[in-house]
């Protein structure tokens, strides 16, 4: 009975991660997934210094995709110059942002609100 339940669960897990079983029985990733897998494998871990919005673009006027909670970790993708922000995470004014992946959401956070961990 246990063996009958494992195969469908394994197939569902592979489908959720973007891997699709091929006719040969090996799992393959779609072409768009390869870059995501490679970026995750070489992730530079960041920790949020306070709760911040992960934004769609590097601007405080940009749509918030989600909250990144203080003390939790995410992945650094790259640094970018963007819109200025004021009174954020203890800094009067600055304009540098980090492009990040936080729990599957790729967006931008003020550079001063995260640190490498």
Protein backbone atom coordinates (compact mmCIF):
# COMPACT_ATOMS: atom_id res chain seq x y z
CA UNK A 1 0.00 0.00 0.00
CA UNK A 2 2.81 2.45 0.88
CA UNK A 3 4.52 1.86 -2.48
CA UNK A 4 1.30 2.78 -4.30
CA UNK A 5 1.17 6.18 -2.56
CA UNK A 6 4.82 7.13 -3.05
CA UNK A 7 4.85 7.24 -6.88
CA UNK A 8 1.99 9.80 -7.26
CA UNK A 9 3.45 11.96 -4.49
CA UNK A 10 6.90 11.90 -6.10
CA UNK A 11 5.43 12.83 -9.49
CA UNK A 12 3.48 15.71 -7.93
CA UNK A 13 6.60 16.98 -6.14
CA UNK A 14 8.59 16.92 -9.39
CA UNK A 15 5.81 18.78 -11.20
CA UNK A 16 5.75 21.50 -8.53
CA UNK A 17 9.50 22.06 -8.83
CA UNK A 18 9.31 22.30 -12.61
CA UNK A 19 10.92 18.95 -13.35
CA UNK A 20 9.05 16.71 -15.74
CA UNK A 21 9.69 12.98 -16.10
CA UNK A 22 10.78 12.08 -19.63
CA UNK A 23 10.06 8.89 -21.55
CA UNK A 24 13.45 7.53 -20.48
CA UNK A 25 12.45 7.85 -16.83
CA UNK A 26 14.85 10.67 -15.99
CA UNK A 27 13.67 14.09 -14.87
CA UNK A 28 14.37 17.13 -17.03
CA UNK A 29 13.95 20.84 -16.41
CA UNK A 30 12.40 23.34 -18.79
CA UNK A 31 14.80 25.83 -20.39
CA UNK A 32 13.53 28.71 -18.22
CA UNK A 33 14.05 26.66 -15.06
CA UNK A 34 17.75 26.03 -15.66
CA UNK A 35 18.73 29.64 -14.88
CA UNK A 36 16.63 29.59 -11.70
CA UNK A 37 18.21 26.32 -10.55
CA UNK A 38 21.71 27.64 -11.32
CA UNK A 39 21.05 30.92 -9.47
CA UNK A 40 19.71 29.06 -6.44
CA UNK A 41 22.71 26.73 -6.39
CA UNK A 42 25.10 29.69 -6.20
CA UNK A 43 22.94 31.67 -3.77
CA UNK A 44 24.61 34.25 -1.55
CA UNK A 45 22.49 34.19 1.58
CA UNK A 46 21.05 37.47 2.90
CA UNK A 47 19.25 38.15 6.18
CA UNK A 48 16.68 40.93 6.58
CA UNK A 49 17.66 43.47 9.25
CA UNK A 50 14.02 44.59 9.57
CA UNK A 51 10.74 43.68 7.91
CA UNK A 52 10.78 45.17 4.39
CA UNK A 53 8.72 45.09 1.21
CA UNK A 54 10.07 43.04 -1.70
CA UNK A 55 9.16 45.32 -4.62
CA UNK A 56 8.57 44.69 -8.32
CA UNK A 57 11.19 47.29 -9.30
CA UNK A 58 13.87 49.27 -7.46
CA UNK A 59 11.59 52.07 -6.30
CA UNK A 60 9.54 52.80 -3.19
CA UNK A 61 6.63 53.63 -5.52
CA UNK A 62 6.78 50.14 -7.06
CA UNK A 63 4.23 47.45 -6.22
CA UNK A 64 5.03 45.37 -3.14
CA UNK A 65 5.20 41.66 -4.01
CA UNK A 66 5.41 40.47 -0.40
CA UNK A 67 6.95 41.22 2.98
CA UNK A 68 10.39 39.91 3.91
CA UNK A 69 10.36 39.41 7.67
CA UNK A 70 13.17 40.48 9.99
CA UNK A 71 15.71 37.74 10.69
CA UNK A 72 14.67 35.46 7.81
CA UNK A 73 16.96 34.53 4.92
CA UNK A 74 16.76 34.96 1.17
CA UNK A 75 19.07 34.86 -1.85
CA UNK A 76 21.03 37.76 -3.31
CA UNK A 77 20.90 38.01 -7.10
CA UNK A 78 22.66 41.34 -7.77
CA UNK A 79 22.94 44.96 -6.68
CA UNK A 80 21.26 47.72 -8.66
CA UNK A 81 21.12 51.50 -8.60
CA UNK A 82 17.51 52.62 -8.31
CA UNK A 83 15.12 55.12 -6.85
CA UNK A 84 16.17 56.84 -3.65
CA UNK A 85 14.62 55.96 -0.31
CA UNK A 86 14.55 57.96 2.90
CA UNK A 87 14.45 56.98 6.56
CA UNK A 88 14.74 53.28 5.76
CA UNK A 89 16.36 50.81 8.16
CA UNK A 90 18.09 53.62 10.05
CA UNK A 91 19.59 55.37 6.98
CA UNK A 92 18.53 58.95 6.16
CA UNK A 93 18.76 58.66 2.38
CA UNK A 94 20.22 56.18 -0.11
CA UNK A 95 19.55 54.75 -3.59
CA UNK A 96 21.17 51.31 -3.84
CA UNK A 97 18.95 48.19 -3.97
CA UNK A 98 19.47 44.40 -3.97
CA UNK A 99 17.65 42.17 -6.42
CA UNK A 100 16.69 39.17 -4.31
CA UNK A 101 14.80 35.90 -4.28
CA UNK A 102 12.81 35.59 -1.07
CA UNK A 103 10.71 32.43 -0.82
CA UNK A 104 10.12 32.31 -4.56
CA UNK A 105 9.41 36.02 -5.05
CA UNK A 106 12.07 37.81 -7.11
CA UNK A 107 12.14 41.54 -6.46
CA UNK A 108 14.05 44.44 -4.93
CA UNK A 109 14.76 45.55 -1.37
CA UNK A 110 16.75 48.53 -0.05
CA UNK A 111 20.40 47.53 0.23
CA UNK A 112 20.67 48.88 3.79
CA UNK A 113 17.90 46.54 5.02
CA UNK A 114 19.79 43.29 4.38
CA UNK A 115 23.17 41.81 5.26
CA UNK A 116 25.14 38.83 4.02
CA UNK A 117 24.80 35.86 6.31
